[in-house]
Amino acid sequence: MHKINVKFVFMLSFASILLMSGCGKKQEVLHLYNWADYVKPELIAQFEQENNCKVILDTFDSNENMYAKLKAGATGYDLAFPSSYMVQIMKEQGMLEMLRHDWLPNLIHLDPTSLNVSLDPEVKIAVPYTVSYTGVAYLKSKVSNVVKSWSMFDRQDLEGRMTMLNDMRETIAAGLRFLGYSSNTTNEQELAAARDVIVRWKKNLAKFENEQYKPGLASGEFLLVHGYVGDLLQIQAENPDIAIFFPKEGFVTTCDCMVIPKGAKSIELAHKYINFMLDPKVAAENTGFTQYLCPNKDSYALLDEASQKNPAIIVPEEIKTVAEVNLDLGENNAKYVKVWDEIKSAE
């Protein structure tokens, strides 16, 4: 008969209680509201492991849809990723939390040139996530006599095989810049002229589209598309027959930002995620995955050689001179809504 070691049994029981207590403790959850394919999944997993948390990701396909959902009362999101002009709108409507810089030591890595594009140079409410551009891509083997111009959408020989973004500001901007006007004009005659141009182009389009243009161009369903350059670079990697250009008349550049919506439950964890994404190594990895430049000056040297030399990622200064940032137009936004409705309803 073995003698029971009472001390050992007590210690084992105590350890079991601690283990059960630890298993019952819930992980903190971070809710992200981001664009699709806009973060490397392995980085999410790394953040979860390092912070013993769970990340839940929901996606949107336009700033307007994201804004409408949050404005309608959707709560529970800890981080959202709006473009700079939408950040302005959300700020003015009191929809965003102020940031705590003492929780964001990696802010020192930000490229200062991105702060003007983000429209929040003091980083009070928004941290630059990516700098993006819109451009045009086409299949080299199928499209001849290419001119680096928005006028490509006048090509009747490509009728039914082209798409433009289903995005009010981006697509109206294409018409405005084609005519030599600012993408932020509030002049009703200029907006009407841009409307007429886009209605003319619409006759040659398969549709206005934000997601399917990517696989559509890669597969050859579409021959020429208007899109976000990071997305276009992703499909170019799959199909080397794809070429990309920036229209000579001008195009939109924007900074998608990390913001904390009012009502966020995990504000400190949200700051940890922002700081994580600002780490130069993490930023370089994310740029490599998304093909959108993370404006982190200390990450550029960590990019692979192909990315460093790609003018669609590190955009040359002479091309940037015709890029324009979309601004919040306040009450004048209604003029764009009216024009967009007229474009969408036109036969």
Protein backbone atom coordinates (compact mmCIF):
# COMPACT_ATOMS: atom_id res chain seq x y z
CA MET A 1 0.00 0.00 0.00
CA HIS A 2 1.44 3.38 -1.09
CA LYS A 3 1.39 6.30 1.23
CA ILE A 4 -0.36 9.33 -0.29
CA ASN A 5 1.75 12.47 -0.48
CA VAL A 6 -0.77 15.07 0.73
CA LYS A 7 1.53 17.98 -0.18
CA PHE A 8 1.89 16.70 -3.74
CA VAL A 9 -1.89 16.25 -4.14
CA PHE A 10 -2.50 19.79 -2.87
CA MET A 11 0.05 21.24 -5.27
CA LEU A 12 -1.41 19.27 -8.19
CA SER A 13 -4.93 20.39 -7.33
CA PHE A 14 -3.83 24.02 -7.03
CA ALA A 15 -2.07 23.81 -10.40
CA SER A 16 -5.20 22.33 -11.95
CA ILE A 17 -7.30 25.19 -10.61
CA LEU A 18 -4.88 27.73 -12.08
CA LEU A 19 -4.89 25.91 -15.41
CA MET A 20 -8.67 25.77 -15.51
CA SER A 21 -8.84 29.43 -14.55
CA GLY A 22 -6.46 30.33 -17.39
CA CYS A 23 -8.43 28.28 -19.90
CA GLY A 24 -11.62 30.04 -18.92
CA LYS A 25 -10.18 33.50 -19.46
CA LYS A 26 -11.46 35.02 -22.69
CA GLN A 27 -9.04 36.51 -25.20
CA GLU A 28 -9.50 40.18 -26.00
CA VAL A 29 -10.99 40.64 -29.47
CA LEU A 30 -9.97 43.31 -31.99
CA HIS A 31 -12.55 44.10 -34.67
CA LEU A 32 -11.12 45.52 -37.92
CA TYR A 33 -13.12 47.10 -40.76
CA ASN A 34 -10.83 47.16 -43.79
CA TRP A 35 -10.69 46.89 -47.56
CA ALA A 36 -10.43 43.35 -48.98
CA ASP A 37 -6.94 41.86 -49.52
CA TYR A 38 -5.40 44.80 -47.68
CA VAL A 39 -3.33 43.07 -45.03
CA LYS A 40 -1.07 40.04 -45.14
CA PRO A 41 -2.86 37.23 -43.24
CA GLU A 42 0.36 36.04 -41.61
CA LEU A 43 0.76 39.47 -40.02
CA ILE A 44 -2.68 39.15 -38.44
CA ALA A 45 -1.65 35.78 -37.03
CA GLN A 46 1.62 37.24 -35.74
CA PHE A 47 -0.22 40.08 -33.98
CA GLU A 48 -2.67 37.63 -32.41
CA GLN A 49 0.16 35.48 -31.08
CA GLU A 50 2.20 38.40 -29.75
CA ASN A 51 -0.78 39.96 -28.00
CA ASN A 52 -2.77 36.87 -27.00
CA CYS A 53 -5.86 38.19 -28.75
CA LYS A 54 -8.28 37.37 -31.54
CA VAL A 55 -8.64 39.58 -34.63
CA ILE A 56 -11.94 39.61 -36.52
CA LEU A 57 -11.84 41.24 -39.96
CA ASP A 58 -14.83 42.61 -41.86
CA THR A 59 -14.40 44.23 -45.27
CA PHE A 60 -16.00 46.97 -47.38
CA ASP A 61 -15.64 47.91 -51.05
CA SER A 62 -16.07 51.69 -50.95
CA ASN A 63 -15.63 54.58 -48.56
CA GLU A 64 -19.29 55.45 -48.95
CA ASN A 65 -20.44 51.97 -47.93
CA MET A 66 -18.11 51.97 -44.94
CA TYR A 67 -19.31 55.41 -43.86
CA ALA A 68 -22.99 54.52 -44.31
CA LYS A 69 -22.65 51.43 -42.13
CA LEU A 70 -20.89 53.27 -39.31
CA LYS A 71 -23.20 56.28 -39.60
CA ALA A 72 -26.24 54.00 -39.40
CA GLY A 73 -25.10 52.87 -35.97
CA ALA A 74 -22.89 49.85 -36.55
CA THR A 75 -20.81 49.53 -33.39
CA GLY A 76 -18.06 47.28 -32.18
CA TYR A 77 -15.36 48.15 -34.70
CA ASP A 78 -12.05 49.03 -33.08
CA LEU A 79 -10.22 50.12 -36.24
CA ALA A 80 -11.40 51.30 -39.65
CA PHE A 81 -9.40 52.17 -42.77
CA PRO A 82 -11.04 55.09 -44.64
CA SER A 83 -9.41 57.21 -47.32
CA SER A 84 -8.20 60.66 -46.35
CA TYR A 85 -11.18 62.64 -47.65
CA MET A 86 -13.54 60.35 -45.71
CA VAL A 87 -11.42 60.81 -42.59
CA GLN A 88 -12.21 64.52 -42.85
CA ILE A 89 -15.94 63.84 -43.03
CA MET A 90 -15.88 61.40 -40.11
CA LYS A 91 -13.82 63.83 -38.04
CA GLU A 92 -16.22 66.71 -38.63
CA GLN A 93 -19.15 64.50 -37.63
CA GLY A 94 -17.51 63.39 -34.39
CA MET A 95 -17.19 59.77 -35.44
CA LEU A 96 -13.54 59.22 -34.44
CA GLU A 97 -11.50 58.86 -31.25
CA MET A 98 -8.39 60.93 -30.62
CA LEU A 99 -5.11 59.00 -30.76
CA ARG A 100 -2.66 58.63 -27.89
CA HIS A 101 0.86 59.19 -29.17
CA ASP A 102 2.38 57.74 -25.99
CA TRP A 103 0.95 54.39 -27.11
CA LEU A 104 2.40 54.78 -30.62
CA PRO A 105 6.21 54.96 -30.36
CA ASN A 106 6.57 53.69 -33.95
CA LEU A 107 5.14 56.93 -35.32
CA ILE A 108 8.78 57.98 -35.71
CA HIS A 109 8.99 55.71 -38.79
CA LEU A 110 6.27 57.52 -40.77
CA ASP A 111 7.29 59.12 -44.05
CA PRO A 112 6.53 62.82 -43.42
CA THR A 113 5.53 63.33 -47.07
CA SER A 114 2.49 61.10 -46.46
CA LEU A 115 1.09 63.41 -43.81
CA ASN A 116 -0.04 66.01 -46.32
CA VAL A 117 -1.86 63.32 -48.29
CA SER A 118 -3.50 61.98 -45.12
CA LEU A 119 -4.91 65.48 -44.41
CA ASP A 120 -4.11 65.02 -40.71
CA PRO A 121 -0.48 66.22 -40.51
CA GLU A 122 -0.40 66.15 -36.71
CA VAL A 123 -1.73 62.56 -36.64
CA LYS A 124 -4.42 63.46 -34.13
CA ILE A 125 -7.05 61.03 -35.39
CA ALA A 126 -5.59 59.17 -38.38
CA VAL A 127 -2.37 57.25 -39.01
CA PRO A 128 -1.34 56.73 -42.66
CA TYR A 129 -1.66 53.05 -43.64
CA THR A 130 -1.00 53.13 -47.37
CA VAL A 131 -0.54 55.72 -50.08
CA SER A 132 -2.47 54.67 -53.16
CA TYR A 133 -3.12 55.84 -56.68
CA THR A 134 -5.63 55.09 -59.39
CA GLY A 135 -4.55 54.14 -62.87
CA VAL A 136 -5.39 52.07 -65.92
CA ALA A 137 -4.33 48.54 -66.83
CA TYR A 138 -4.75 46.60 -70.07
CA LEU A 139 -3.74 43.40 -71.84
CA LYS A 140 -0.75 44.10 -74.07
CA SER A 141 -1.56 41.27 -76.47
CA LYS A 142 -5.14 42.44 -77.03
CA VAL A 143 -5.00 46.25 -76.94
CA SER A 144 -2.96 48.14 -79.54
CA ASN A 145 -2.26 51.83 -80.14
CA VAL A 146 -2.31 52.59 -76.44
CA VAL A 147 -2.21 56.22 -75.37
CA LYS A 148 -1.56 56.92 -71.70
CA SER A 149 -4.73 58.92 -71.40
CA TRP A 150 -8.27 58.69 -70.05
CA SER A 151 -9.28 58.93 -73.72
CA MET A 152 -8.77 55.15 -73.94
CA PHE A 153 -12.33 54.83 -72.63
CA ASP A 154 -13.52 56.41 -75.90
CA ARG A 155 -12.26 53.33 -77.77
CA GLN A 156 -15.33 51.81 -79.41
CA ASP A 157 -13.29 48.79 -80.54
CA LEU A 158 -13.07 47.83 -76.85
CA GLU A 159 -16.80 48.21 -76.22
CA GLY A 160 -18.08 45.85 -73.54
CA ARG A 161 -14.55 44.85 -72.52
CA MET A 162 -13.68 47.81 -70.26
CA THR A 163 -14.62 48.78 -66.70
CA MET A 164 -14.36 51.86 -64.51
CA LEU A 165 -14.49 52.05 -60.74
CA ASN A 166 -17.91 52.09 -59.11
CA ASP A 167 -16.70 54.97 -56.97
CA MET A 168 -18.27 58.41 -57.22
CA ARG A 169 -15.21 60.53 -56.45
CA GLU A 170 -12.70 58.39 -58.37
CA THR A 171 -14.67 58.11 -61.58
CA ILE A 172 -15.92 61.70 -61.67
CA ALA A 173 -12.30 62.71 -61.05
CA ALA A 174 -11.29 60.80 -64.19
CA GLY A 175 -13.70 62.86 -66.26
CA LEU A 176 -12.64 66.10 -64.61
CA ARG A 177 -8.91 65.52 -65.04
CA PHE A 178 -9.43 64.45 -68.67
CA LEU A 179 -10.96 67.89 -69.26
CA GLY A 180 -8.22 69.70 -67.37
CA TYR A 181 -10.27 70.42 -64.24
CA SER A 182 -9.51 69.75 -60.58
CA SER A 183 -10.93 66.60 -59.03
CA ASN A 184 -12.19 68.86 -56.23
CA THR A 185 -14.00 71.42 -58.36
CA THR A 186 -17.37 72.67 -57.19
CA ASN A 187 -18.09 74.46 -60.46
CA GLU A 188 -21.38 73.07 -61.74
CA GLN A 189 -20.50 73.64 -65.41
CA GLU A 190 -17.25 71.70 -65.03
CA LEU A 191 -19.07 68.89 -63.24
CA ALA A 192 -21.72 68.77 -65.96
CA ALA A 193 -19.00 68.55 -68.62
CA ALA A 194 -17.34 65.68 -66.75
CA ARG A 195 -20.72 63.96 -66.43
CA ASP A 196 -21.21 64.13 -70.19
CA VAL A 197 -17.77 62.65 -70.82
CA ILE A 198 -18.34 59.75 -68.45
CA VAL A 199 -21.81 59.07 -69.89
CA ARG A 200 -20.10 58.87 -73.30
CA TRP A 201 -17.50 56.46 -71.91
CA LYS A 202 -20.21 54.43 -70.20
CA LYS A 203 -21.48 53.27 -73.60
CA ASN A 204 -18.18 51.45 -74.08
CA LEU A 205 -18.03 49.93 -70.59
CA ALA A 206 -19.06 46.49 -69.43
CA LYS A 207 -19.91 48.08 -66.06
CA PHE A 208 -18.76 50.18 -63.14
CA GLU A 209 -17.02 47.72 -60.84
CA ASN A 210 -14.79 47.59 -57.74
CA GLU A 211 -13.85 43.94 -57.30
CA GLN A 212 -14.41 41.75 -60.37
CA TYR A 213 -12.25 43.92 -62.61
CA LYS A 214 -9.22 42.21 -61.08
CA PRO A 215 -9.96 38.57 -61.98
CA GLY A 216 -11.75 39.82 -65.11
CA LEU A 217 -8.62 41.45 -66.49
CA ALA A 218 -6.39 38.56 -65.40
CA SER A 219 -8.63 36.06 -67.22
CA GLY A 220 -9.11 38.17 -70.35
CA GLU A 221 -12.82 38.83 -69.78
CA PHE A 222 -11.93 42.54 -69.65
CA LEU A 223 -9.25 44.14 -71.80
CA LEU A 224 -8.80 47.53 -70.13
CA VAL A 225 -9.78 48.62 -66.62
CA HIS A 226 -9.68 51.64 -64.32
CA GLY A 227 -8.52 50.53 -60.89
CA TYR A 228 -6.44 50.98 -57.78
CA VAL A 229 -2.81 50.52 -58.73
CA GLY A 230 -2.04 48.17 -55.84
CA ASP A 231 -4.82 45.86 -57.03
CA LEU A 232 -3.54 46.13 -60.59
CA LEU A 233 -0.04 45.17 -59.47
CA GLN A 234 -1.45 42.10 -57.71
CA ILE A 235 -3.02 40.78 -60.90
CA GLN A 236 0.00 41.81 -62.99
CA ALA A 237 2.00 39.36 -60.86
CA GLU A 238 -0.39 36.62 -62.02
CA ASN A 239 -0.45 37.68 -65.66
CA PRO A 240 2.65 39.36 -67.18
CA ASP A 241 0.58 40.34 -70.23
CA ILE A 242 -0.90 43.13 -68.08
CA ALA A 243 0.55 46.64 -68.38
CA ILE A 244 -0.25 49.62 -66.14
CA PHE A 245 -0.14 53.36 -66.78
CA PHE A 246 -0.97 56.62 -65.04
CA PRO A 247 -3.13 58.85 -67.30
CA LYS A 248 -1.16 61.88 -68.43
CA GLU A 249 -4.02 64.30 -67.66
CA GLY A 250 -3.84 63.45 -63.97
CA PHE A 251 -5.24 60.97 -61.48
CA VAL A 252 -6.21 60.61 -57.84
CA THR A 253 -3.85 59.83 -55.01
CA THR A 254 -5.07 59.14 -51.52
CA CYS A 255 -3.88 57.95 -48.17
CA ASP A 256 -5.88 55.20 -46.55
CA CYS A 257 -5.65 55.65 -42.81
CA MET A 258 -6.06 53.74 -39.57
CA VAL A 259 -8.70 55.37 -37.36
CA ILE A 260 -10.51 54.37 -34.18
CA PRO A 261 -14.29 54.81 -34.46
CA LYS A 262 -16.32 56.16 -31.58
CA GLY A 263 -17.71 53.27 -29.58
CA ALA A 264 -14.61 51.10 -29.97
CA LYS A 265 -14.29 48.64 -27.09
CA SER A 266 -10.62 47.72 -27.39
CA ILE A 267 -8.98 51.12 -27.74
CA GLU A 268 -5.63 50.16 -26.20
CA LEU A 269 -5.42 47.01 -28.33
CA ALA A 270 -6.27 49.11 -31.39
CA HIS A 271 -3.28 51.32 -30.62
CA LYS A 272 -1.12 48.20 -30.28
CA TYR A 273 -2.24 47.10 -33.75
CA ILE A 274 -1.47 50.51 -35.25
CA ASN A 275 1.97 50.48 -33.63
CA PHE A 276 2.54 46.93 -34.89
CA MET A 277 1.74 47.95 -38.46
CA LEU A 278 4.17 50.87 -38.13
CA ASP A 279 7.09 48.54 -37.45
CA PRO A 280 9.37 48.86 -40.53
CA LYS A 281 9.69 45.10 -41.05
CA VAL A 282 5.93 44.61 -40.77
CA ALA A 283 5.29 47.56 -43.10
CA ALA A 284 7.68 46.14 -45.71
CA GLU A 285 6.02 42.73 -45.53
CA ASN A 286 2.59 44.28 -45.93
CA THR A 287 3.70 46.35 -48.93
CA GLY A 288 5.08 43.19 -50.52
CA PHE A 289 1.74 41.44 -50.04
CA THR A 290 -0.72 44.21 -50.91
CA GLN A 291 1.44 46.04 -53.49
CA TYR A 292 0.32 49.29 -51.84
CA LEU A 293 3.13 51.38 -50.38
CA CYS A 294 3.04 51.65 -46.60
CA PRO A 295 4.42 55.18 -46.01
CA ASN A 296 7.08 54.05 -43.57
CA LYS A 297 10.41 55.66 -44.44
CA ASP A 298 12.42 53.03 -42.59
CA SER A 299 10.70 50.19 -44.45
CA TYR A 300 11.68 51.21 -47.99
CA ALA A 301 15.18 49.72 -47.76
CA LEU A 302 13.61 46.44 -46.62
CA LEU A 303 11.47 46.06 -49.74
CA ASP A 304 12.61 43.53 -52.33
CA GLU A 305 14.56 44.93 -55.26
CA ALA A 306 11.66 44.56 -57.71
CA SER A 307 9.36 46.60 -55.48
CA GLN A 308 11.98 49.30 -54.96
CA LYS A 309 12.38 49.70 -58.72
CA ASN A 310 8.69 49.46 -59.61
CA PRO A 311 7.42 52.95 -60.58
CA ALA A 312 3.87 51.91 -59.72
CA ILE A 313 4.93 51.34 -56.08
CA ILE A 314 7.65 53.96 -55.62
CA VAL A 315 6.05 56.53 -57.91
CA PRO A 316 8.52 58.94 -59.57
CA GLU A 317 8.24 62.59 -58.58
CA GLU A 318 7.54 63.71 -62.15
CA ILE A 319 4.45 61.48 -62.24
CA LYS A 320 3.30 62.64 -58.82
CA THR A 321 3.08 66.20 -60.12
CA VAL A 322 -0.23 65.39 -61.87
CA ALA A 323 -1.67 63.44 -58.93
CA GLU A 324 -4.36 65.15 -56.88
CA VAL A 325 -5.76 64.38 -53.44
CA ASN A 326 -9.55 64.21 -53.14
CA LEU A 327 -10.74 66.58 -50.41
CA ASP A 328 -13.89 66.64 -48.32
CA LEU A 329 -16.21 69.03 -50.17
CA GLY A 330 -18.67 69.60 -47.36
CA GLU A 331 -22.08 70.68 -48.61
CA ASN A 332 -20.75 70.70 -52.17
CA ASN A 333 -20.53 66.91 -52.03
CA ALA A 334 -24.23 66.95 -52.93
CA LYS A 335 -23.25 68.24 -56.38
CA TYR A 336 -21.16 65.11 -56.93
CA VAL A 337 -23.96 62.86 -55.69
CA LYS A 338 -26.33 64.47 -58.19
CA VAL A 339 -23.86 64.06 -61.06
CA TRP A 340 -23.12 60.46 -60.08
CA ASP A 341 -26.83 59.61 -59.97
CA GLU A 342 -27.21 61.11 -63.44
CA ILE A 343 -24.28 59.05 -64.73
CA LYS A 344 -25.60 55.82 -63.24
CA SER A 345 -29.12 56.35 -64.60
CA ALA A 346 -28.03 57.42 -68.10
CA GLU A 347 -28.74 55.02 -70.95
